[in-house]
Each structure stands twice: as C-alpha cells, then as structure tokens.
Amino acid sequence: MAKSHIIHIVRFDLISAIIEQGAKDLNIELPPEAGAAFRAYGDFLETNSKQFNLTAISGEENIARLHFLDSLALLNIMTFANTRIIDIGSGAGFPGVPLKIADPSINLTLLDATKKRASFLSNLCAMLNIEAICIHARAEDIAHKPDMREQYNIAVSRAVSELNVLCELCLPFVRIGGQLIAMKGVDSAEEVARSHHAIETLGAELQESHDYIIPGTNIVHRALLIRKTQKTPDKYPRRFARIKASPL
C-alpha cells in the first residue's frame, strides 16, 4: 500500500511580518503577542469594513502600513505608558487601538459619533481582549460632562477636520499639562497658521511638530503636539453647527 502524504499548508502571516520589520525600522519594541493581535485586527477590519463604512484602505499590506504602522509611529514622539488617552473620532480604532496593543498599560477611551463605528470598536476590543471604554457620542456634547472634561493626559485624533475645528473638539478633554496629538499631512503649514488663534483661545500652545516616514513607504506624515497650558473656557466646545459656521 502506498504511503499517504499529508500536506500542511501554512499561511504566510504578511501583517505580522510587516509589523515586526516596521517596529525595527521605528526602533520600538512590541510585546510578544502584538503580531498575532495585529493579524486578528487586520482580519476583523477586512471582514467588517464595508458593513461599518470604516476605511477605503484595503489589502493586508496597506492596512499594516497605512493604518497600523502609521499609528505606531507615535510611540517615537512621546511616552504613553500608564497614561489616560482618549482617541476622538476613532473610527476603525486608529491610532488608539494599535497604541494599546503596543502598550497595554494605556488607559484607553475610544470616542466616535457614529453608532455603527462605536459598535465596531466595542466588538473589536472584545475580540482582541483589550480593556477600553468605547463611547458613542459627539465630542462637542460629551466634552461638557464633568467626568470627561479635562480628565485625559493625551487626546489623539486622526480625523480630517481642520486643525482649528479639531482643537475645539479635542482640547476640552485634555487636563492642564497634557497634550493633543493631531495627525496631519506634511502640507499642513497653512492650516497650522490658521489655527494659532484657536489654540491660544482654548488654553493651549503649539509645542512641537514631528514628521515621520511610514516604514516600507515613501509617505511622510506629521504629528502636531499641542500642549494644554490653562483651563479651556467653559463655553467651548460650542455646538457643531456653530463651530462650522464660525470657526475660531
């Protein structure tokens, strides 16, 4: 009788490989379980993206580089260990969830105004066994609640809003001495210039600007660090219609 041959097919884990090499390029150290977590995250995102209208970016390599590594690059900008962070307009979880995977000591809150996306975030955290608070609310509403206002060391946002609008929505969450990290493109100089009045009015100052290359690409992004220096006036943020009609 001829011997039977069992063929084992091993799937190459592209996302984990990209994350491992990208972490080396960024000179950051990830927990041993991070590769598997990003693999599961990528699969979950691909499966649910259309249903929840999460991202136009698809494909394992693009997700790994343009979402995950773009988020992890923030680890070179400041220390996140044991900090209380709110990711405003989190959408599919960027940059908050990748940062939490990289540093489980982060106390993470994910905020999104869209019910579907907030539901996705809750399901994602449960699937990844990540402890995070997922909130469905508008930033301009919930920022006036005492248990949210000026309670966070760091606010992060990858939202596409103009910086002056983003500052009004985000800075009320940040405690004095804390920081807002606004993720922008390198063509944001004029946008920053238009935002100086808003930043000052909201009790903050532009601290630093960091440009970084996403590993494995020629794409350069910019992270703006805005430091909270004093209490944000109680009237901010205003209703969103008012913010849009008359930005600071």
Protein backbone atom coordinates (compact mmCIF):
# COMPACT_ATOMS: atom_id res chain seq x y z
CA MET A 1 0.00 0.00 0.00
CA ALA A 2 1.32 3.38 -0.95
CA LYS A 3 2.09 5.69 1.90
CA SER A 4 -0.27 8.60 2.28
CA HIS A 5 1.22 12.06 2.35
CA ILE A 6 -0.32 14.78 4.44
CA ILE A 7 0.39 18.24 3.02
CA HIS A 8 0.35 21.06 5.58
CA ILE A 9 -0.43 24.45 4.09
CA VAL A 10 0.95 27.27 6.19
CA ARG A 11 -0.44 30.71 5.52
CA PHE A 12 2.26 33.35 5.40
CA ASP A 13 1.39 35.97 8.00
CA LEU A 14 2.06 39.12 5.99
CA ILE A 15 0.66 41.57 8.53
CA SER A 16 2.75 40.20 11.39
CA ALA A 17 5.88 40.23 9.21
CA ILE A 18 5.29 43.86 8.18
CA ILE A 19 4.64 44.91 11.78
CA GLU A 20 7.77 43.12 13.02
CA GLN A 21 10.00 44.77 10.42
CA GLY A 22 8.25 48.12 10.80
CA ALA A 23 8.81 48.08 14.56
CA LYS A 24 12.51 47.52 13.94
CA ASP A 25 12.58 50.41 11.48
CA LEU A 26 10.85 52.63 14.03
CA ASN A 27 13.18 51.36 16.76
CA ILE A 28 10.28 50.39 19.01
CA GLU A 29 9.78 47.19 20.98
CA LEU A 30 6.41 45.47 20.87
CA PRO A 31 5.02 42.82 23.26
CA PRO A 32 5.45 39.21 22.06
CA GLU A 33 1.71 38.87 21.40
CA ALA A 34 1.47 42.02 19.28
CA GLY A 35 1.98 40.27 15.93
CA ALA A 36 -0.95 37.91 16.49
CA ALA A 37 -3.11 40.80 17.71
CA PHE A 38 -2.44 42.85 14.59
CA ARG A 39 -3.11 39.80 12.43
CA ALA A 40 -6.51 39.34 14.09
CA TYR A 41 -7.19 43.09 13.89
CA GLY A 42 -6.45 43.12 10.16
CA ASP A 43 -8.75 40.16 9.51
CA PHE A 44 -11.54 41.71 11.58
CA LEU A 45 -11.19 45.03 9.76
CA GLU A 46 -11.27 43.43 6.32
CA THR A 47 -14.36 41.41 7.27
CA ASN A 48 -16.31 44.33 8.72
CA SER A 49 -15.07 47.36 6.78
CA LYS A 50 -17.90 47.62 4.24
CA GLN A 51 -20.67 46.89 6.73
CA PHE A 52 -19.49 49.60 9.13
CA ASN A 53 -18.13 52.01 6.50
CA LEU A 54 -14.74 52.06 8.21
CA THR A 55 -11.97 52.72 5.70
CA ALA A 56 -11.28 52.93 1.98
CA ILE A 57 -7.89 51.30 2.54
CA SER A 58 -7.91 47.56 1.91
CA GLY A 59 -5.43 44.73 1.48
CA GLU A 60 -3.14 43.32 4.13
CA GLU A 61 -0.05 45.34 3.23
CA ASN A 62 -1.89 48.65 3.02
CA ILE A 63 -3.69 48.04 6.33
CA ALA A 64 -0.46 47.04 8.05
CA ARG A 65 1.50 50.05 6.81
CA LEU A 66 -1.01 52.87 6.33
CA HIS A 67 -3.06 52.15 9.45
CA PHE A 68 -1.05 50.11 11.95
CA LEU A 69 2.49 51.43 11.42
CA ASP A 70 1.21 54.98 10.93
CA SER A 71 -0.35 54.71 14.40
CA LEU A 72 2.68 53.03 15.99
CA ALA A 73 4.97 55.81 14.76
CA LEU A 74 3.54 57.98 17.55
CA LEU A 75 5.49 55.85 20.03
CA ASN A 76 8.61 57.71 18.89
CA ILE A 77 7.08 61.06 19.78
CA MET A 78 6.21 60.61 23.44
CA THR A 79 5.81 58.07 26.22
CA PHE A 80 2.32 56.65 26.55
CA ALA A 81 2.92 54.26 29.45
CA ASN A 82 0.28 54.45 32.20
CA THR A 83 -1.40 57.47 30.62
CA ARG A 84 -5.10 58.14 30.21
CA ILE A 85 -5.77 58.61 26.49
CA ILE A 86 -8.88 59.47 24.51
CA ASP A 87 -8.97 58.78 20.76
CA ILE A 88 -11.50 61.23 19.32
CA GLY A 89 -13.26 60.26 16.09
CA SER A 90 -11.62 56.86 16.41
CA GLY A 91 -13.50 55.24 13.50
CA ALA A 92 -11.81 51.88 12.94
CA GLY A 93 -9.64 52.34 16.04
CA PHE A 94 -6.74 54.41 14.77
CA PRO A 95 -4.47 55.34 16.38
CA GLY A 96 -5.82 54.28 19.79
CA VAL A 97 -6.09 50.51 19.42
CA PRO A 98 -2.64 49.98 17.85
CA LEU A 99 -1.13 52.08 20.66
CA LYS A 100 -2.96 49.94 23.24
CA ILE A 101 -1.70 46.74 21.60
CA ALA A 102 1.83 48.14 21.74
CA ASP A 103 1.50 49.35 25.34
CA PRO A 104 -1.21 47.57 27.37
CA SER A 105 -0.63 49.95 30.32
CA ILE A 106 -2.52 52.69 28.44
CA ASN A 107 -5.94 53.58 29.89
CA LEU A 108 -7.84 53.97 26.62
CA THR A 109 -11.13 55.61 25.69
CA LEU A 110 -12.41 55.39 22.12
CA LEU A 111 -14.96 58.00 21.08
CA ASP A 112 -16.96 58.09 17.87
CA ALA A 113 -20.10 59.96 16.89
CA THR A 114 -21.32 57.19 14.55
CA LYS A 115 -23.26 54.39 16.24
CA LYS A 116 -22.07 51.74 13.75
CA ARG A 117 -18.43 52.61 14.27
CA ALA A 118 -18.79 52.72 18.04
CA SER A 119 -20.34 49.26 17.83
CA PHE A 120 -17.44 48.04 15.70
CA LEU A 121 -14.95 49.41 18.24
CA SER A 122 -16.71 47.62 21.08
CA ASN A 123 -16.72 44.34 19.14
CA LEU A 124 -13.08 44.82 18.14
CA CYS A 125 -11.92 45.34 21.71
CA ALA A 126 -13.87 42.31 22.88
CA MET A 127 -12.36 40.19 20.10
CA LEU A 128 -8.83 41.35 20.91
CA ASN A 129 -9.46 41.06 24.67
CA ILE A 130 -8.49 44.72 25.07
CA GLU A 131 -9.71 46.77 28.01
CA ALA A 132 -11.01 50.05 26.63
CA ILE A 133 -14.03 52.29 27.09
CA CYS A 134 -15.97 52.67 23.84
CA ILE A 135 -18.34 55.64 23.71
CA HIS A 136 -20.92 56.58 21.10
CA ALA A 137 -21.32 60.35 21.42
CA ARG A 138 -20.50 63.63 19.78
CA ALA A 139 -17.32 65.19 21.15
CA GLU A 140 -18.91 68.65 21.48
CA ASP A 141 -21.64 67.21 23.70
CA ILE A 142 -19.75 64.83 25.94
CA ALA A 143 -16.82 67.23 26.49
CA HIS A 144 -19.07 69.25 28.82
CA LYS A 145 -19.64 66.30 31.17
CA PRO A 146 -17.60 66.61 34.40
CA ASP A 147 -16.31 63.03 34.23
CA MET A 148 -14.90 63.65 30.73
CA ARG A 149 -13.81 67.29 30.76
CA GLU A 150 -10.08 67.84 31.29
CA GLN A 151 -9.64 64.26 32.51
CA TYR A 152 -7.09 62.94 29.99
CA ASN A 153 -3.30 63.12 29.77
CA ILE A 154 -3.44 62.83 26.00
CA ALA A 155 -6.07 63.27 23.30
CA VAL A 156 -5.23 61.83 19.89
CA SER A 157 -7.06 62.32 16.63
CA ARG A 158 -6.53 61.16 13.09
CA ALA A 159 -9.65 63.00 11.98
CA VAL A 160 -9.66 65.06 8.78
CA SER A 161 -11.16 68.19 10.34
CA GLU A 162 -9.31 71.48 10.03
CA LEU A 163 -6.94 71.92 12.97
CA ASN A 164 -8.84 74.87 14.45
CA VAL A 165 -12.03 72.77 14.48
CA LEU A 166 -10.18 69.72 15.80
CA CYS A 167 -8.67 71.74 18.64
CA GLU A 168 -12.08 72.99 19.78
CA LEU A 169 -13.44 69.44 19.79
CA CYS A 170 -10.41 67.82 21.47
CA LEU A 171 -8.68 70.23 23.86
CA PRO A 172 -11.58 70.40 26.37
CA PHE A 173 -10.86 66.72 27.18
CA VAL A 174 -7.19 67.38 28.00
CA ARG A 175 -6.03 68.21 31.50
CA ILE A 176 -3.67 71.13 32.11
CA GLY A 177 -0.16 69.98 31.26
CA GLY A 178 -1.50 67.30 28.92
CA GLN A 179 -1.30 67.19 25.14
CA LEU A 180 -3.33 66.86 21.99
CA ILE A 181 -1.66 64.89 19.20
CA ALA A 182 -3.18 65.84 15.84
CA MET A 183 -2.14 63.57 12.98
CA LYS A 184 -1.81 65.56 9.76
CA GLY A 185 -0.08 65.60 6.38
CA VAL A 186 3.17 67.44 5.75
CA ASP A 187 1.28 70.06 3.73
CA SER A 188 -0.40 71.36 6.89
CA ALA A 189 1.69 74.51 7.48
CA GLU A 190 -1.04 76.93 6.33
CA GLU A 191 -3.64 75.03 8.33
CA VAL A 192 -1.46 75.36 11.43
CA ALA A 193 -1.03 79.07 10.80
CA ARG A 194 -4.81 79.50 10.62
CA SER A 195 -5.17 77.72 13.96
CA HIS A 196 -2.95 79.81 16.23
CA HIS A 197 -5.89 81.89 17.47
CA ALA A 198 -7.96 78.78 18.22
CA ILE A 199 -5.10 77.08 20.07
CA GLU A 200 -4.49 80.15 22.24
CA THR A 201 -8.19 80.77 22.88
CA LEU A 202 -8.67 77.18 24.06
CA GLY A 203 -5.82 77.43 26.57
CA ALA A 204 -3.00 75.72 24.71
CA GLU A 205 0.17 76.24 22.70
CA LEU A 206 1.77 74.50 19.74
CA GLN A 207 4.65 72.60 21.31
CA GLU A 208 6.27 70.55 18.54
CA SER A 209 5.85 69.23 15.02
CA HIS A 210 7.18 65.78 14.13
CA ASP A 211 7.48 64.48 10.55
CA TYR A 212 7.93 60.75 10.08
CA ILE A 213 8.13 58.25 7.24
CA ILE A 214 5.80 55.26 7.39
CA PRO A 215 8.14 52.23 7.22
CA GLY A 216 8.19 50.50 3.84
CA THR A 217 6.74 53.53 2.05
CA ASN A 218 7.82 56.97 0.90
CA ILE A 219 4.83 58.55 2.68
CA VAL A 220 5.62 61.29 5.17
CA HIS A 221 3.09 62.26 7.82
CA ARG A 222 3.18 64.91 10.52
CA ALA A 223 2.17 64.74 14.17
CA LEU A 224 1.43 68.07 15.84
CA LEU A 225 1.83 68.24 19.62
CA ILE A 226 -0.35 70.88 21.25
CA ARG A 227 0.18 71.37 24.99
CA LYS A 228 -2.64 72.43 27.31
CA THR A 229 -1.37 75.31 29.45
CA GLN A 230 -4.56 76.52 31.12
CA LYS A 231 -8.22 75.69 31.59
CA THR A 232 -10.36 75.77 28.45
CA PRO A 233 -13.17 78.35 28.81
CA ASP A 234 -16.43 76.66 29.80
CA LYS A 235 -18.28 77.72 26.63
CA TYR A 236 -16.08 75.50 24.44
CA PRO A 237 -16.72 73.35 22.57
CA ARG A 238 -19.73 75.07 21.01
CA ARG A 239 -22.47 73.28 19.08
CA PHE A 240 -21.01 71.80 15.90
CA ALA A 241 -23.15 73.94 13.63
CA ARG A 242 -21.69 76.99 15.34
CA ILE A 243 -18.13 75.65 15.08
CA LYS A 244 -18.55 75.09 11.35
CA ALA A 245 -20.24 78.43 10.74
CA SER A 246 -17.73 80.45 12.76
CA PRO A 247 -14.52 78.53 13.46
CA LEU A 248 -12.08 80.04 15.92
